[in-house]
Amino acid sequence: MEPTAVNNFDELVETAISLLPKTVAVVYPNNAETFSAIIEASMIMRTKFLLFGEKGAMGQSLASVPEEAMERIETIPCDSVLDALSKSIAAVANGEAQILMKGGVDTATMMRAVLSDGSRLKTGRLLSDIFVLEYPKRHDNQLLMITDGGMTLSPDLKSKVELIRNAVQVAHALGNTMPRVAVLSATEFVIPDLQSTIDAAALSKMNERGQITGCIVDGPLALDNALSIEAAEEKGIMSPVAGRADILVAANIESANSLAKSTTFFADLRLAHVIVGGKVPILIPSRADKGDAKLLSIALGTVVLEHGGRSN
């Protein structure tokens, strides 16, 4: 069944509610915002949780949880963060859970464990983080994606093809059958000394020749003419992507991470994100994220799992 178009975060949550409940393994939950998202997801989306962490902290945080929610939450005491990582990854690899979520562990430590040879979560594909925000200036599809601010440090052309493939997988899971992909740089012109512009032009041509499918790719585009029709028209850019981008592919992790976080700290926009390319969706909400962002990430992982499937 084709996924229903999801155009904003309210529709994302509604879609997740309509699906069969999933089980999420959470690595070392240890703050109030994480437990808030776990409890809300168990209540409204009927999500089941396996919590791998410190027994006392989990017991205290769950002491006043409604019985209905507790029926969907199981705690597995662990001696340390590394013990929690090992047991949670094993639970996902064995099929006891279908989504892996970060709690109070740093992303680098968690992803090293995921990428280790014994994790059984790798597929041979590049893993990349897709940051999703709700862009209220658009009246139709308000969901805008940024990649890759969490995994790929300095992607070359081959890696950028994979970044696009992964982001398009998420867009398709959200019902956007032909997302517009803007490959970003500081300018819309190809400059021989600026590698990001050369990569962007190559990716655009690869899409034109059918080497990248399921989307429309153009670049290089600067941020203003990727998002603003007025800016694109003022600069005379004729493109099906300019001013209408659904996916922004940044030049490197610094620009993607800063761009993504600026939407929260400067504009107070809602956010979610998910790592795809592995056998299951992986959620790496920042430890500083509020409960809403963690809840939306759980909903996003649920929808991607349902319609994106487990990667081969």
Foldseek 3Di string as FASTA:
>chain_A
DFDDADQFLVSLLVSLLPDDAFEEEEQAAADQLLLVLLLVCCVRNVHAYEYEHAVVRVCVSCVPRDPSSVVRYHYDYADDSVRSLVVSLVCCLVPVGFEYEYHPDDPVVNVVSCPDPPSNWADPADKAKWKWFQQVVDDGRRIAIEDHQRGFFADDLVVLLSRVVVVLLLNSLNVNQAFEEEQEDQAQDQDPVGRSQVSQCVVQVCVVVPVRDRYHGHDDDHPCQQQQPVVCVVVPNDDPRGNPGRYYYYRGNVVRNVVSVCCCPVVVIAMEMWMDNIQAIYGYDDNPDGSRRVNSNVSSRSSSCVRSNGDD
